[in-house]
Amino acid sequence: MSLTELKQEAERLSPAERRHLAAHLVALERKSDPGFKQQLAEKIDDHTPGQWVVREDAEKRLEE
């Protein structure tokens, strides 16, 4: 199955199913990259407003 097909299938999922899929993908990333957990924690802990991503911008990045 191609990435395009996977994206199309993801669009058909319910919001709850998409959240489960997103959590699964994050878990896979964490397993394959030992530094991922630390990087994610640093981003979550960063309270600098200039570093925040607006939801609409994040959605646009995901569509690319």
PDB file of N, CA and C in Angstrom:
ATOM      1  N   MET A   1       0.849  -1.170   0.000  1.00  0.00           N
ATOM      2  CA  MET A   1       0.000   0.000   0.000  1.00  0.00           C
ATOM      3  C   MET A   1       0.899   1.239   0.000  1.00  0.00           C
ATOM      4  N   SER A   2       0.583   2.191  -0.835  1.00  0.00           N
ATOM      5  CA  SER A   2       1.404   3.401  -0.944  1.00  0.00           C
ATOM      6  C   SER A   2       1.045   4.393   0.165  1.00  0.00           C
ATOM      7  N   LEU A   3       1.911   5.367   0.342  1.00  0.00           N
ATOM      8  CA  LEU A   3       1.662   6.417   1.323  1.00  0.00           C
ATOM      9  C   LEU A   3       0.384   7.176   0.974  1.00  0.00           C
ATOM     10  N   THR A   4       0.171   7.424  -0.292  1.00  0.00           N
ATOM     11  CA  THR A   4      -1.048   8.115  -0.728  1.00  0.00           C
ATOM     12  C   THR A   4      -2.281   7.318  -0.335  1.00  0.00           C
ATOM     13  N   GLU A   5      -2.235   6.009  -0.542  1.00  0.00           N
ATOM     14  CA  GLU A   5      -3.365   5.155  -0.163  1.00  0.00           C
ATOM     15  C   GLU A   5      -3.589   5.160   1.347  1.00  0.00           C
ATOM     16  N   LEU A   6      -2.499   5.144   2.104  1.00  0.00           N
ATOM     17  CA  LEU A   6      -2.623   5.206   3.559  1.00  0.00           C
ATOM     18  C   LEU A   6      -3.282   6.513   4.000  1.00  0.00           C
ATOM     19  N   LYS A   7      -2.871   7.609   3.394  1.00  0.00           N
ATOM     20  CA  LYS A   7      -3.463   8.908   3.728  1.00  0.00           C
ATOM     21  C   LYS A   7      -4.950   8.925   3.400  1.00  0.00           C
ATOM     22  N   GLN A   8      -5.311   8.359   2.271  1.00  0.00           N
ATOM     23  CA  GLN A   8      -6.720   8.318   1.881  1.00  0.00           C
ATOM     24  C   GLN A   8      -7.525   7.473   2.872  1.00  0.00           C
ATOM     25  N   GLU A   9      -6.963   6.364   3.294  1.00  0.00           N
ATOM     26  CA  GLU A   9      -7.641   5.516   4.276  1.00  0.00           C
ATOM     27  C   GLU A   9      -7.787   6.263   5.600  1.00  0.00           C
ATOM     28  N   ALA A  10      -6.758   6.996   5.996  1.00  0.00           N
ATOM     29  CA  ALA A  10      -6.815   7.747   7.254  1.00  0.00           C
ATOM     30  C   ALA A  10      -7.921   8.796   7.222  1.00  0.00           C
ATOM     31  N   GLU A  11      -8.172   9.375   6.059  1.00  0.00           N
ATOM     32  CA  GLU A  11      -9.239  10.367   5.924  1.00  0.00           C
ATOM     33  C   GLU A  11     -10.614   9.748   6.177  1.00  0.00           C
ATOM     34  N   ARG A  12     -10.745   8.463   5.953  1.00  0.00           N
ATOM     35  CA  ARG A  12     -12.030   7.785   6.139  1.00  0.00           C
ATOM     36  C   ARG A  12     -12.277   7.392   7.598  1.00  0.00           C
ATOM     37  N   LEU A  13     -11.253   7.479   8.424  1.00  0.00           N
ATOM     38  CA  LEU A  13     -11.386   7.082   9.823  1.00  0.00           C
ATOM     39  C   LEU A  13     -12.199   8.099  10.620  1.00  0.00           C
ATOM     40  N   SER A  14     -12.806   7.625  11.674  1.00  0.00           N
ATOM     41  CA  SER A  14     -13.510   8.531  12.595  1.00  0.00           C
ATOM     42  C   SER A  14     -12.462   9.307  13.387  1.00  0.00           C
ATOM     43  N   PRO A  15     -12.836  10.411  14.015  1.00  0.00           N
ATOM     44  CA  PRO A  15     -11.865  11.157  14.828  1.00  0.00           C
ATOM     45  C   PRO A  15     -11.195  10.280  15.898  1.00  0.00           C
ATOM     46  N   ALA A  16     -11.961   9.416  16.537  1.00  0.00           N
ATOM     47  CA  ALA A  16     -11.381   8.542  17.567  1.00  0.00           C
ATOM     48  C   ALA A  16     -10.370   7.574  16.948  1.00  0.00           C
ATOM     49  N   GLU A  17     -10.699   7.032  15.786  1.00  0.00           N
ATOM     50  CA  GLU A  17      -9.774   6.120  15.110  1.00  0.00           C
ATOM     51  C   GLU A  17      -8.513   6.843  14.677  1.00  0.00           C
ATOM     52  N   ARG A  18      -8.643   8.091  14.240  1.00  0.00           N
ATOM     53  CA  ARG A  18      -7.455   8.871  13.853  1.00  0.00           C
ATOM     54  C   ARG A  18      -6.565   9.136  15.061  1.00  0.00           C
ATOM     55  N   ARG A  19      -7.167   9.414  16.213  1.00  0.00           N
ATOM     56  CA  ARG A  19      -6.367   9.625  17.437  1.00  0.00           C
ATOM     57  C   ARG A  19      -5.609   8.348  17.796  1.00  0.00           C
ATOM     58  N   HIS A  20      -6.267   7.214  17.679  1.00  0.00           N
ATOM     59  CA  HIS A  20      -5.591   5.942  17.959  1.00  0.00           C
ATOM     60  C   HIS A  20      -4.457   5.705  16.973  1.00  0.00           C
ATOM     61  N   LEU A  21      -4.682   6.005  15.715  1.00  0.00           N
ATOM     62  CA  LEU A  21      -3.644   5.846  14.705  1.00  0.00           C
ATOM     63  C   LEU A  21      -2.467   6.771  14.997  1.00  0.00           C
ATOM     64  N   ALA A  22      -2.759   8.020  15.335  1.00  0.00           N
ATOM     65  CA  ALA A  22      -1.695   8.980  15.646  1.00  0.00           C
ATOM     66  C   ALA A  22      -0.872   8.496  16.835  1.00  0.00           C
ATOM     67  N   ALA A  23      -1.534   7.988  17.866  1.00  0.00           N
ATOM     68  CA  ALA A  23      -0.817   7.468  19.039  1.00  0.00           C
ATOM     69  C   ALA A  23       0.056   6.278  18.653  1.00  0.00           C
ATOM     70  N   HIS A  24      -0.463   5.443  17.784  1.00  0.00           N
ATOM     71  CA  HIS A  24       0.303   4.277  17.323  1.00  0.00           C
ATOM     72  C   HIS A  24       1.551   4.725  16.562  1.00  0.00           C
ATOM     73  N   LEU A  25       1.402   5.712  15.704  1.00  0.00           N
ATOM     74  CA  LEU A  25       2.544   6.195  14.926  1.00  0.00           C
ATOM     75  C   LEU A  25       3.596   6.835  15.830  1.00  0.00           C
ATOM     76  N   VAL A  26       3.161   7.572  16.839  1.00  0.00           N
ATOM     77  CA  VAL A  26       4.110   8.174  17.786  1.00  0.00           C
ATOM     78  C   VAL A  26       4.849   7.064  18.530  1.00  0.00           C
ATOM     79  N   ALA A  27       4.130   6.025  18.936  1.00  0.00           N
ATOM     80  CA  ALA A  27       4.769   4.903  19.633  1.00  0.00           C
ATOM     81  C   ALA A  27       5.807   4.224  18.742  1.00  0.00           C
ATOM     82  N   LEU A  28       5.481   4.050  17.469  1.00  0.00           N
ATOM     83  CA  LEU A  28       6.451   3.457  16.535  1.00  0.00           C
ATOM     84  C   LEU A  28       7.686   4.330  16.395  1.00  0.00           C
ATOM     85  N   GLU A  29       7.471   5.627  16.299  1.00  0.00           N
ATOM     86  CA  GLU A  29       8.594   6.558  16.166  1.00  0.00           C
ATOM     87  C   GLU A  29       9.479   6.495  17.406  1.00  0.00           C
ATOM     88  N   ARG A  30       8.839   6.434  18.555  1.00  0.00           N
ATOM     89  CA  ARG A  30       9.587   6.380  19.814  1.00  0.00           C
ATOM     90  C   ARG A  30      10.442   5.122  19.893  1.00  0.00           C
ATOM     91  N   LYS A  31       9.913   4.008  19.420  1.00  0.00           N
ATOM     92  CA  LYS A  31      10.676   2.756  19.443  1.00  0.00           C
ATOM     93  C   LYS A  31      11.891   2.822  18.524  1.00  0.00           C
ATOM     94  N   SER A  32      11.736   3.478  17.379  1.00  0.00           N
ATOM     95  CA  SER A  32      12.816   3.478  16.386  1.00  0.00           C
ATOM     96  C   SER A  32      13.849   4.572  16.604  1.00  0.00           C
ATOM     97  N   ASP A  33      13.535   5.544  17.444  1.00  0.00           N
ATOM     98  CA  ASP A  33      14.450   6.669  17.664  1.00  0.00           C
ATOM     99  C   ASP A  33      14.619   6.894  19.158  1.00  0.00           C
ATOM    100  N   PRO A  34      15.742   6.465  19.731  1.00  0.00           N
ATOM    101  CA  PRO A  34      15.937   6.593  21.177  1.00  0.00           C
ATOM    102  C   PRO A  34      15.878   8.046  21.681  1.00  0.00           C
ATOM    103  N   GLY A  35      16.230   8.999  20.855  1.00  0.00           N
ATOM    104  CA  GLY A  35      16.210  10.397  21.272  1.00  0.00           C
ATOM    105  C   GLY A  35      14.867  11.071  21.103  1.00  0.00           C
ATOM    106  N   PHE A  36      13.910  10.380  20.503  1.00  0.00           N
ATOM    107  CA  PHE A  36      12.610  10.977  20.205  1.00  0.00           C
ATOM    108  C   PHE A  36      11.881  11.426  21.466  1.00  0.00           C
ATOM    109  N   LYS A  37      11.880  10.577  22.488  1.00  0.00           N
ATOM    110  CA  LYS A  37      11.174  10.912  23.728  1.00  0.00           C
ATOM    111  C   LYS A  37      11.735  12.194  24.340  1.00  0.00           C
ATOM    112  N   GLN A  38      13.046  12.327  24.372  1.00  0.00           N
ATOM    113  CA  GLN A  38      13.671  13.521  24.933  1.00  0.00           C
ATOM    114  C   GLN A  38      13.341  14.760  24.099  1.00  0.00           C
ATOM    115  N   GLN A  39      13.402  14.622  22.776  1.00  0.00           N
ATOM    116  CA  GLN A  39      13.087  15.757  21.899  1.00  0.00           C
ATOM    117  C   GLN A  39      11.639  16.186  22.069  1.00  0.00           C
ATOM    118  N   LEU A  40      10.734  15.227  22.141  1.00  0.00           N
ATOM    119  CA  LEU A  40       9.326  15.548  22.324  1.00  0.00           C
ATOM    120  C   LEU A  40       9.096  16.224  23.673  1.00  0.00           C
ATOM    121  N   ALA A  41       9.734  15.722  24.721  1.00  0.00           N
ATOM    122  CA  ALA A  41       9.602  16.318  26.047  1.00  0.00           C
ATOM    123  C   ALA A  41      10.097  17.762  26.047  1.00  0.00           C
ATOM    124  N   GLU A  42      11.203  18.015  25.366  1.00  0.00           N
ATOM    125  CA  GLU A  42      11.733  19.381  25.293  1.00  0.00           C
ATOM    126  C   GLU A  42      10.759  20.309  24.581  1.00  0.00           C
ATOM    127  N   LYS A  43      10.148  19.829  23.515  1.00  0.00           N
ATOM    128  CA  LYS A  43       9.187  20.655  22.784  1.00  0.00           C
ATOM    129  C   LYS A  43       7.948  20.930  23.628  1.00  0.00           C
ATOM    130  N   ILE A  44       7.483  19.915  24.347  1.00  0.00           N
ATOM    131  CA  ILE A  44       6.307  20.097  25.193  1.00  0.00           C
ATOM    132  C   ILE A  44       6.606  21.067  26.332  1.00  0.00           C
ATOM    133  N   ASP A  45       7.801  20.987  26.895  1.00  0.00           N
ATOM    134  CA  ASP A  45       8.180  21.826  28.028  1.00  0.00           C
ATOM    135  C   ASP A  45       8.541  23.254  27.634  1.00  0.00           C
ATOM    136  N   ASP A  46       8.719  23.515  26.356  1.00  0.00           N
ATOM    137  CA  ASP A  46       9.089  24.861  25.890  1.00  0.00           C
ATOM    138  C   ASP A  46       7.864  25.778  25.958  1.00  0.00           C
ATOM    139  N   HIS A  47       7.932  26.758  26.828  1.00  0.00           N
ATOM    140  CA  HIS A  47       6.815  27.685  27.021  1.00  0.00           C
ATOM    141  C   HIS A  47       7.004  29.005  26.270  1.00  0.00           C
ATOM    142  N   THR A  48       7.920  29.033  25.316  1.00  0.00           N
ATOM    143  CA  THR A  48       8.186  30.230  24.537  1.00  0.00           C
ATOM    144  C   THR A  48       7.120  30.364  23.446  1.00  0.00           C
ATOM    145  N   PRO A  49       6.255  31.390  23.529  1.00  0.00           N
ATOM    146  CA  PRO A  49       5.182  31.519  22.528  1.00  0.00           C
ATOM    147  C   PRO A  49       5.682  31.539  21.087  1.00  0.00           C
ATOM    148  N   GLY A  50       6.861  32.066  20.849  1.00  0.00           N
ATOM    149  CA  GLY A  50       7.404  32.114  19.502  1.00  0.00           C
ATOM    150  C   GLY A  50       7.693  30.735  18.922  1.00  0.00           C
ATOM    151  N   GLN A  51       7.788  29.736  19.761  1.00  0.00           N
ATOM    152  CA  GLN A  51       8.068  28.373  19.328  1.00  0.00           C
ATOM    153  C   GLN A  51       6.803  27.561  19.080  1.00  0.00           C
ATOM    154  N   TRP A  52       5.661  28.105  19.467  1.00  0.00           N
ATOM    155  CA  TRP A  52       4.399  27.374  19.331  1.00  0.00           C
ATOM    156  C   TRP A  52       3.973  27.316  17.872  1.00  0.00           C
ATOM    157  N   VAL A  53       3.232  26.289  17.536  1.00  0.00           N
ATOM    158  CA  VAL A  53       2.710  26.126  16.185  1.00  0.00           C
ATOM    159  C   VAL A  53       1.198  26.265  16.236  1.00  0.00           C
ATOM    160  N   VAL A  54       0.676  27.123  15.385  1.00  0.00           N
ATOM    161  CA  VAL A  54      -0.763  27.309  15.297  1.00  0.00           C
ATOM    162  C   VAL A  54      -1.373  26.058  14.649  1.00  0.00           C
ATOM    163  N   ARG A  55      -2.519  25.641  15.143  1.00  0.00           N
ATOM    164  CA  ARG A  55      -3.140  24.406  14.651  1.00  0.00           C
ATOM    165  C   ARG A  55      -3.268  24.395  13.128  1.00  0.00           C
ATOM    166  N   GLU A  56      -3.705  25.501  12.561  1.00  0.00           N
ATOM    167  CA  GLU A  56      -3.894  25.567  11.117  1.00  0.00           C
ATOM    168  C   GLU A  56      -2.575  25.345  10.377  1.00  0.00           C
ATOM    169  N   ASP A  57      -1.494  25.904  10.926  1.00  0.00           N
ATOM    170  CA  ASP A  57      -0.170  25.709  10.304  1.00  0.00           C
ATOM    171  C   ASP A  57       0.253  24.242  10.390  1.00  0.00           C
ATOM    172  N   ALA A  58      -0.025  23.610  11.525  1.00  0.00           N
ATOM    173  CA  ALA A  58       0.327  22.198  11.697  1.00  0.00           C
ATOM    174  C   ALA A  58      -0.453  21.351  10.693  1.00  0.00           C
ATOM    175  N   GLU A  59      -1.718  21.666  10.518  1.00  0.00           N
ATOM    176  CA  GLU A  59      -2.533  20.918   9.560  1.00  0.00           C
ATOM    177  C   GLU A  59      -2.012  21.078   8.144  1.00  0.00           C
ATOM    178  N   LYS A  60      -1.579  22.298   7.788  1.00  0.00           N
ATOM    179  CA  LYS A  60      -1.017  22.530   6.455  1.00  0.00           C
ATOM    180  C   LYS A  60       0.260  21.714   6.260  1.00  0.00           C
ATOM    181  N   ARG A  61       1.094  21.660   7.293  1.00  0.00           N
ATOM    182  CA  ARG A  61       2.340  20.889   7.195  1.00  0.00           C
ATOM    183  C   ARG A  61       2.050  19.407   6.995  1.00  0.00           C
ATOM    184  N   LEU A  62       1.024  18.916   7.657  1.00  0.00           N
ATOM    185  CA  LEU A  62       0.676  17.506   7.538  1.00  0.00           C
ATOM    186  C   LEU A  62       0.155  17.172   6.151  1.00  0.00           C
ATOM    187  N   GLU A  63      -0.455  18.137   5.497  1.00  0.00           N
ATOM    188  CA  GLU A  63      -1.025  17.908   4.162  1.00  0.00           C
ATOM    189  C   GLU A  63       0.055  17.853   3.093  1.00  0.00           C
ATOM    190  N   GLU A  64       1.216  18.389   3.390  1.00  0.00           N
ATOM    191  CA  GLU A  64       2.301  18.437   2.386  1.00  0.00           C
ATOM    192  C   GLU A  64       2.857  17.076   2.103  1.00  0.00           C
TER     193      GLU A  64
END
